[in-house]
N, C-alpha and C. Protein backbone atom coordinates (compact mmCIF):
# COMPACT_ATOMS: atom_id res chain seq x y z
N UNK A 1 -5.12 25.33 -20.21
CA UNK A 1 -4.45 24.36 -19.44
C UNK A 1 -4.35 22.82 -20.67
N UNK A 2 -5.49 22.77 -21.20
CA UNK A 2 -5.19 21.64 -22.17
C UNK A 2 -4.53 21.85 -23.19
N UNK A 3 -4.29 23.43 -23.67
CA UNK A 3 -3.13 23.23 -24.64
C UNK A 3 -1.42 22.96 -24.08
N UNK A 4 -1.48 23.03 -22.89
CA UNK A 4 -0.06 23.01 -22.24
C UNK A 4 -0.05 21.58 -22.13
N UNK A 5 -1.00 20.61 -21.78
CA UNK A 5 -1.05 19.19 -21.62
C UNK A 5 -0.65 18.76 -23.29
N UNK A 6 -1.58 18.80 -24.19
CA UNK A 6 -1.45 18.84 -25.49
C UNK A 6 -0.02 19.00 -26.11
N UNK A 7 0.80 19.95 -25.63
CA UNK A 7 2.00 20.36 -25.93
C UNK A 7 2.91 19.43 -25.22
N UNK A 8 2.87 19.22 -23.89
CA UNK A 8 3.66 18.29 -23.22
C UNK A 8 3.61 16.53 -23.74
N UNK A 9 1.96 16.11 -24.04
CA UNK A 9 2.04 15.02 -24.60
C UNK A 9 2.71 14.82 -25.98
N UNK A 10 2.81 16.28 -27.09
CA UNK A 10 3.12 16.08 -28.33
C UNK A 10 4.63 16.23 -28.15
N UNK A 11 5.26 17.10 -27.02
CA UNK A 11 6.61 17.11 -27.14
C UNK A 11 7.37 15.81 -26.46
N UNK A 12 6.80 15.40 -25.44
CA UNK A 12 7.35 14.40 -24.69
C UNK A 12 7.83 13.00 -25.80
N UNK A 13 7.43 12.88 -27.00
CA UNK A 13 7.55 11.86 -27.70
C UNK A 13 8.96 11.86 -28.10
N UNK A 14 9.57 13.07 -28.03
CA UNK A 14 11.19 13.23 -28.31
C UNK A 14 11.78 12.59 -27.10
N UNK A 15 11.72 12.82 -26.03
CA UNK A 15 12.30 12.40 -24.96
C UNK A 15 11.82 10.64 -25.08
N UNK A 16 10.82 10.26 -25.16
CA UNK A 16 10.46 8.65 -25.61
C UNK A 16 11.60 8.35 -26.51
N UNK A 17 11.38 8.83 -27.82
CA UNK A 17 12.38 8.48 -28.73
C UNK A 17 13.96 8.46 -28.46
N UNK A 18 14.05 9.36 -27.43
CA UNK A 18 15.73 9.36 -27.34
C UNK A 18 16.13 8.55 -26.48
N UNK A 19 14.93 8.37 -25.10
CA UNK A 19 15.30 6.86 -24.20
C UNK A 19 15.30 5.74 -24.83
N UNK A 20 14.72 5.49 -25.64
CA UNK A 20 14.11 4.40 -26.68
C UNK A 20 15.46 3.97 -27.33
N UNK A 21 16.14 4.98 -28.13
CA UNK A 21 17.29 4.86 -28.71
C UNK A 21 18.59 4.61 -27.90
N UNK A 22 18.70 5.19 -26.56
CA UNK A 22 19.68 4.94 -25.98
C UNK A 22 19.72 3.59 -25.57
N UNK A 23 18.50 3.22 -24.98
CA UNK A 23 18.19 1.57 -24.35
C UNK A 23 18.49 0.43 -25.71
N UNK A 24 17.90 0.79 -27.02
CA UNK A 24 18.10 0.21 -28.13
C UNK A 24 19.59 -0.11 -28.29
N UNK A 25 20.45 1.17 -28.31
CA UNK A 25 22.17 0.93 -28.77
C UNK A 25 22.56 0.39 -27.81
N UNK A 26 22.39 0.28 -26.34
CA UNK A 26 23.08 -0.09 -25.25
C UNK A 26 22.39 -1.89 -25.20
N UNK A 27 21.44 -1.94 -25.21
CA UNK A 27 21.13 -3.39 -25.44
C UNK A 27 21.56 -4.33 -26.50
N UNK A 28 21.59 -3.48 -27.94
CA UNK A 28 22.42 -4.39 -29.09
C UNK A 28 23.75 -4.55 -28.64
N UNK A 29 24.63 -3.73 -28.11
CA UNK A 29 25.72 -3.49 -27.63
C UNK A 29 25.70 -4.45 -26.37
N UNK A 30 25.26 -4.55 -25.52
CA UNK A 30 25.13 -6.17 -24.66
C UNK A 30 25.13 -7.39 -25.04
N UNK A 31 24.13 -7.28 -26.35
CA UNK A 31 23.84 -8.62 -26.76
C UNK A 31 25.31 -9.15 -27.80
N UNK A 32 25.47 -8.22 -28.66
CA UNK A 32 26.60 -8.50 -29.64
C UNK A 32 27.60 -8.75 -28.81
N UNK A 33 28.10 -8.00 -27.54
CA UNK A 33 29.20 -8.48 -26.88
C UNK A 33 29.09 -9.35 -25.78
N UNK A 34 27.98 -9.62 -25.56
CA UNK A 34 27.71 -10.89 -24.68
C UNK A 34 28.05 -10.24 -23.28
N UNK A 35 27.79 -8.91 -22.87
CA UNK A 35 28.01 -8.64 -21.63
C UNK A 35 27.08 -9.10 -20.72
N UNK A 36 27.47 -9.36 -19.67
CA UNK A 36 26.41 -9.54 -18.41
C UNK A 36 25.47 -8.34 -18.08
N UNK A 37 24.22 -8.96 -17.70
CA UNK A 37 23.46 -7.90 -17.75
C UNK A 37 23.67 -7.13 -16.54
N UNK A 38 23.57 -5.52 -16.82
CA UNK A 38 24.06 -4.67 -15.94
C UNK A 38 22.76 -3.70 -15.64
N UNK A 39 22.96 -2.88 -14.47
CA UNK A 39 22.15 -1.80 -13.91
C UNK A 39 21.79 -0.88 -15.03
N UNK A 40 22.73 -0.44 -15.72
CA UNK A 40 22.46 0.71 -17.02
C UNK A 40 21.40 0.01 -17.90
N UNK A 41 21.71 -1.23 -18.21
CA UNK A 41 20.66 -2.04 -19.34
C UNK A 41 19.04 -1.80 -18.41
N UNK A 42 19.02 -2.30 -17.17
CA UNK A 42 17.91 -2.21 -16.59
C UNK A 42 17.42 -0.69 -16.00
N UNK A 43 18.29 0.17 -16.10
CA UNK A 43 17.88 1.63 -15.78
C UNK A 43 17.56 2.56 -17.44
N UNK A 44 18.34 1.85 -18.12
CA UNK A 44 17.45 2.54 -19.46
C UNK A 44 16.33 1.87 -20.24
N UNK A 45 16.33 0.59 -19.80
CA UNK A 45 14.87 0.13 -20.16
C UNK A 45 13.70 0.69 -19.14
N UNK A 46 14.04 1.13 -17.89
CA UNK A 46 12.87 1.64 -16.89
C UNK A 46 12.62 2.87 -17.28
N UNK A 47 13.74 3.73 -17.86
CA UNK A 47 13.60 5.15 -18.16
C UNK A 47 12.58 4.98 -19.75
N UNK A 48 12.92 4.23 -20.40
CA UNK A 48 12.15 3.98 -21.82
C UNK A 48 10.70 3.72 -21.29
N UNK A 49 10.54 2.96 -20.64
CA UNK A 49 9.32 2.44 -20.04
C UNK A 49 8.32 3.45 -19.19
N UNK A 50 8.95 4.18 -18.15
CA UNK A 50 8.52 5.02 -17.56
C UNK A 50 8.01 6.57 -18.23
N UNK A 51 8.82 6.71 -19.09
CA UNK A 51 8.70 7.82 -20.12
C UNK A 51 6.89 7.43 -20.97
N UNK A 52 7.15 6.15 -21.54
CA UNK A 52 5.82 5.78 -22.04
C UNK A 52 4.90 5.59 -21.30
N UNK A 53 4.78 5.29 -19.75
CA UNK A 53 3.50 5.29 -19.03
C UNK A 53 3.31 6.84 -18.82
N UNK A 54 4.46 7.95 -18.52
CA UNK A 54 3.73 9.07 -18.24
C UNK A 54 3.03 9.81 -19.66
N UNK A 55 3.50 9.21 -21.09
CA UNK A 55 3.15 9.54 -22.08
C UNK A 55 1.53 9.01 -21.92
N UNK A 56 1.26 7.65 -21.56
CA UNK A 56 0.02 7.15 -21.74
C UNK A 56 -0.87 8.11 -20.70
N UNK A 57 -0.53 8.25 -19.41
CA UNK A 57 -1.31 9.32 -18.52
C UNK A 57 -1.58 10.68 -18.91
N UNK A 58 -0.64 11.08 -19.59
CA UNK A 58 -1.21 12.60 -20.40
C UNK A 58 -2.13 12.17 -21.46
N UNK A 59 -2.00 11.30 -22.04
CA UNK A 59 -2.91 10.94 -23.14
C UNK A 59 -4.23 10.44 -22.59
N UNK A 60 -4.21 9.98 -21.62
CA UNK A 60 -5.62 9.32 -20.84
C UNK A 60 -6.17 11.04 -20.27
N UNK A 61 -5.37 11.69 -19.88
CA UNK A 61 -5.94 12.90 -19.13
C UNK A 61 -6.66 13.83 -20.40
N UNK A 62 -5.98 13.66 -21.46
CA UNK A 62 -6.28 14.59 -22.85
C UNK A 62 -7.72 14.20 -23.16
N UNK A 63 -7.81 12.61 -23.10
CA UNK A 63 -8.88 11.90 -23.75
C UNK A 63 -10.29 12.44 -22.79
N UNK A 64 -10.10 12.28 -21.47
CA UNK A 64 -10.98 12.30 -20.46
C UNK A 64 -11.50 13.94 -20.46
N UNK A 65 -10.62 14.76 -20.75
CA UNK A 65 -10.88 16.05 -20.89
C UNK A 65 -11.69 16.67 -22.28
N UNK A 66 -11.79 15.48 -23.08
CA UNK A 66 -12.90 15.88 -24.21
C UNK A 66 -11.96 15.73 -25.57
N UNK A 67 -10.68 15.73 -25.54
CA UNK A 67 -9.98 15.63 -26.80
C UNK A 67 -9.74 14.30 -27.39
N UNK A 68 -10.73 13.73 -28.02
CA UNK A 68 -11.04 12.65 -28.63
C UNK A 68 -11.67 12.61 -30.01
N UNK A 69 -11.35 12.21 -30.82
CA UNK A 69 -11.79 12.01 -32.27
C UNK A 69 -11.57 10.59 -32.77
N UNK A 70 -12.34 9.91 -33.40
CA UNK A 70 -12.42 8.66 -34.17
C UNK A 70 -11.26 7.92 -34.48
N UNK A 71 -10.25 8.83 -35.14
CA UNK A 71 -8.76 7.86 -35.44
C UNK A 71 -8.14 7.96 -34.33
N UNK A 72 -8.39 8.26 -33.22
CA UNK A 72 -7.67 7.95 -32.04
C UNK A 72 -7.31 6.64 -31.49
N UNK A 73 -8.41 5.85 -31.78
CA UNK A 73 -8.47 4.48 -31.12
C UNK A 73 -7.21 3.58 -31.65
N UNK A 74 -6.80 3.93 -33.00
CA UNK A 74 -5.66 2.99 -33.30
C UNK A 74 -4.65 3.48 -32.55
N UNK A 75 -4.49 4.90 -32.21
CA UNK A 75 -3.46 5.31 -31.61
C UNK A 75 -3.31 4.72 -30.07
N UNK A 76 -4.53 4.81 -29.73
CA UNK A 76 -4.63 4.64 -28.13
C UNK A 76 -3.92 3.05 -27.96
N UNK A 77 -4.53 2.18 -29.03
CA UNK A 77 -4.36 0.69 -28.66
C UNK A 77 -2.68 0.82 -28.90
N UNK A 78 -2.13 1.08 -30.11
CA UNK A 78 -0.64 0.92 -30.27
C UNK A 78 -0.04 1.39 -29.31
N UNK A 79 -0.25 2.50 -28.44
CA UNK A 79 0.35 3.08 -27.50
C UNK A 79 0.37 2.45 -26.26
N UNK A 80 -0.87 1.71 -25.96
CA UNK A 80 -0.95 1.11 -24.79
C UNK A 80 -0.29 -0.19 -24.94
N UNK A 81 -0.47 -0.98 -26.02
CA UNK A 81 0.69 -1.89 -26.20
C UNK A 81 2.01 -1.60 -26.30
N UNK A 82 2.52 -0.69 -26.89
CA UNK A 82 3.63 -0.42 -26.66
C UNK A 82 4.25 -0.14 -25.14
N UNK A 83 3.49 0.52 -24.27
CA UNK A 83 3.61 0.75 -22.94
C UNK A 83 3.99 -0.78 -22.13
N UNK A 84 2.75 -1.96 -22.55
CA UNK A 84 2.88 -2.95 -21.93
C UNK A 84 4.22 -3.75 -22.32
N UNK A 85 4.58 -3.72 -23.71
CA UNK A 85 6.11 -4.22 -24.07
C UNK A 85 6.99 -3.91 -23.58
N UNK A 86 6.99 -2.46 -23.38
CA UNK A 86 8.23 -1.87 -22.81
C UNK A 86 8.36 -2.19 -21.38
N UNK A 87 7.34 -2.67 -20.79
CA UNK A 87 7.56 -2.88 -19.35
C UNK A 87 7.56 -4.57 -18.91
N UNK A 88 7.56 -5.48 -19.85
CA UNK A 88 7.54 -6.80 -19.94
C UNK A 88 9.05 -7.31 -19.73
N UNK A 89 10.01 -7.11 -20.32
CA UNK A 89 11.50 -7.43 -19.60
C UNK A 89 11.89 -6.95 -18.56
N UNK A 90 11.46 -6.04 -18.00
CA UNK A 90 11.68 -5.40 -16.78
C UNK A 90 11.15 -6.10 -15.35
N UNK A 91 9.56 -6.89 -15.81
CA UNK A 91 9.26 -7.61 -14.94
C UNK A 91 9.54 -8.72 -14.89
N UNK A 92 10.02 -9.30 -16.30
CA UNK A 92 10.61 -10.85 -16.42
C UNK A 92 11.75 -11.02 -15.53
N UNK A 93 12.63 -9.92 -16.18
CA UNK A 93 14.00 -10.06 -15.61
C UNK A 93 14.11 -10.09 -13.84
N UNK A 94 13.33 -9.07 -13.67
CA UNK A 94 13.18 -9.03 -11.93
C UNK A 94 12.94 -10.44 -11.37
N UNK A 95 12.24 -11.10 -11.80
CA UNK A 95 11.88 -12.65 -11.33
C UNK A 95 13.14 -13.69 -11.44
N UNK A 96 13.95 -13.45 -12.38
CA UNK A 96 14.99 -14.27 -12.69
C UNK A 96 16.16 -14.23 -11.96
N UNK A 97 16.75 -15.42 -11.76
CA UNK A 97 18.05 -15.31 -10.96
C UNK A 97 18.97 -14.55 -11.75
N UNK A 98 19.89 -13.79 -11.06
CA UNK A 98 20.78 -12.83 -11.39
C UNK A 98 21.56 -13.70 -12.70
N UNK A 99 22.02 -14.82 -12.65
CA UNK A 99 22.81 -15.74 -13.65
C UNK A 99 21.93 -15.69 -14.67
N UNK A 100 20.81 -15.71 -14.80
CA UNK A 100 20.06 -16.04 -15.99
C UNK A 100 19.38 -14.94 -16.72
N UNK A 101 19.80 -13.67 -16.27
CA UNK A 101 19.20 -12.40 -16.95
C UNK A 101 20.22 -12.04 -18.35
N UNK A 102 19.65 -11.80 -19.32
CA UNK A 102 19.91 -11.43 -20.54
C UNK A 102 19.83 -10.02 -20.89
N UNK A 103 20.40 -9.64 -21.94
CA UNK A 103 19.97 -8.29 -22.72
C UNK A 103 18.83 -8.41 -23.61
N UNK A 104 18.93 -9.88 -24.28
CA UNK A 104 17.89 -10.26 -25.49
C UNK A 104 16.68 -9.92 -25.38
N UNK A 105 15.85 -10.12 -24.21
CA UNK A 105 14.83 -9.52 -23.92
C UNK A 105 14.20 -8.08 -24.05
N UNK A 106 15.36 -7.37 -23.56
CA UNK A 106 15.09 -5.80 -23.70
C UNK A 106 15.25 -5.48 -24.84
N UNK A 107 16.25 -6.05 -25.70
CA UNK A 107 16.44 -5.72 -27.18
C UNK A 107 15.20 -5.60 -27.92
N UNK A 108 14.60 -7.06 -27.78
CA UNK A 108 13.39 -7.44 -28.80
C UNK A 108 12.31 -6.33 -28.18
N UNK A 109 12.01 -6.13 -26.98
CA UNK A 109 10.69 -5.56 -26.52
C UNK A 109 11.15 -4.12 -26.93
N UNK A 110 12.21 -3.47 -26.78
CA UNK A 110 12.52 -2.14 -27.14
C UNK A 110 12.28 -2.09 -28.75
N UNK A 111 12.48 -2.91 -29.68
CA UNK A 111 12.36 -2.70 -30.93
C UNK A 111 10.77 -2.97 -31.33
N UNK A 112 10.05 -3.67 -30.65
CA UNK A 112 8.83 -3.89 -30.82
C UNK A 112 7.88 -2.80 -30.43
N UNK A 113 8.36 -2.13 -29.27
CA UNK A 113 7.74 -1.25 -28.66
C UNK A 113 8.18 0.27 -29.44
N UNK A 114 9.58 0.76 -30.11
CA UNK A 114 9.78 1.66 -30.60
C UNK A 114 8.71 1.33 -32.19
N UNK A 115 8.53 0.23 -32.40
CA UNK A 115 7.80 -0.12 -33.73
C UNK A 115 6.26 0.26 -33.79
N UNK A 116 5.63 -0.14 -32.23
CA UNK A 116 4.44 0.04 -31.90
C UNK A 116 4.28 1.70 -31.88
N UNK A 117 5.09 2.13 -31.37
CA UNK A 117 4.96 3.83 -31.02
C UNK A 117 5.14 4.50 -32.35
N UNK A 118 5.93 3.98 -33.12
CA UNK A 118 5.83 4.87 -34.86
C UNK A 118 4.53 4.51 -35.46
N UNK A 119 3.92 3.06 -35.22
CA UNK A 119 2.61 2.96 -36.00
C UNK A 119 1.35 3.89 -34.99
N UNK A 120 1.63 3.78 -33.90
CA UNK A 120 0.69 4.68 -33.32
C UNK A 120 0.82 6.27 -33.64
N UNK A 121 1.95 6.76 -33.82
CA UNK A 121 1.98 8.02 -34.51
C UNK A 121 1.70 8.11 -36.13
N UNK A 122 1.57 7.02 -36.54
CA UNK A 122 1.13 7.25 -37.88
C UNK A 122 -0.24 7.13 -37.98
N UNK A 123 -0.95 6.35 -36.92
CA UNK A 123 -2.47 6.04 -37.08
C UNK A 123 -3.01 7.52 -36.93
N UNK A 124 -2.51 8.21 -36.45
CA UNK A 124 -3.35 9.95 -36.23
C UNK A 124 -2.76 10.77 -37.43
N UNK A 125 -2.21 10.34 -38.48
CA UNK A 125 -1.49 11.17 -39.29
C UNK A 125 -0.69 11.97 -39.44
N UNK A 126 0.52 11.71 -38.16
CA UNK A 126 1.57 12.41 -37.92
C UNK A 126 2.63 11.72 -38.41
N UNK A 127 3.73 12.30 -38.78
CA UNK A 127 5.16 11.47 -38.99
C UNK A 127 5.55 11.54 -37.74
N UNK A 128 6.81 10.62 -37.69
CA UNK A 128 7.56 10.53 -36.28
C UNK A 128 8.26 11.43 -35.68
N UNK A 129 8.87 12.66 -36.37
CA UNK A 129 9.29 13.86 -35.99
C UNK A 129 8.70 15.01 -36.38
N UNK A 130 7.11 14.72 -36.50
CA UNK A 130 6.53 16.02 -37.11
C UNK A 130 6.44 16.95 -35.69
N UNK A 131 6.12 18.18 -35.70
CA UNK A 131 6.03 18.96 -34.50
C UNK A 131 4.77 19.67 -34.69
N UNK A 132 3.76 19.05 -35.68
CA UNK A 132 2.19 19.58 -35.79
C UNK A 132 1.41 19.11 -34.51
N UNK A 133 0.67 20.02 -34.02
CA UNK A 133 -0.34 19.51 -33.18
C UNK A 133 -1.82 19.36 -33.58
N UNK A 134 -2.70 18.87 -33.01
CA UNK A 134 -4.28 18.91 -33.31
C UNK A 134 -4.30 19.92 -34.38
């Protein structure tokens, strides 16, 4: 079972990167063309954040089950920060009036979250698109 969780945790990053790329491209398009805040922008950001949250949950299960080694500490913190950063614009925009919502916070948070994800993957000695497991 742990091997299956490890494969799921490792493979889920490709979905996260795909969702992040889609959200990034749309947010950039919305900022450049000055489009109004849309459902697709919110949905793409929510999909990206939700997949990161699922990844954090799978990672937590792996750590609790005994798959821990010291170089994971940097990985863990960077991924937790990425999850927080990806969630921030969703929470902030929900509280703003509809006419005050923009795509710029989504764009900034997606770029920062993807950078943190990349750094978190590098922290355990893997490349962004490596398929190697522990």
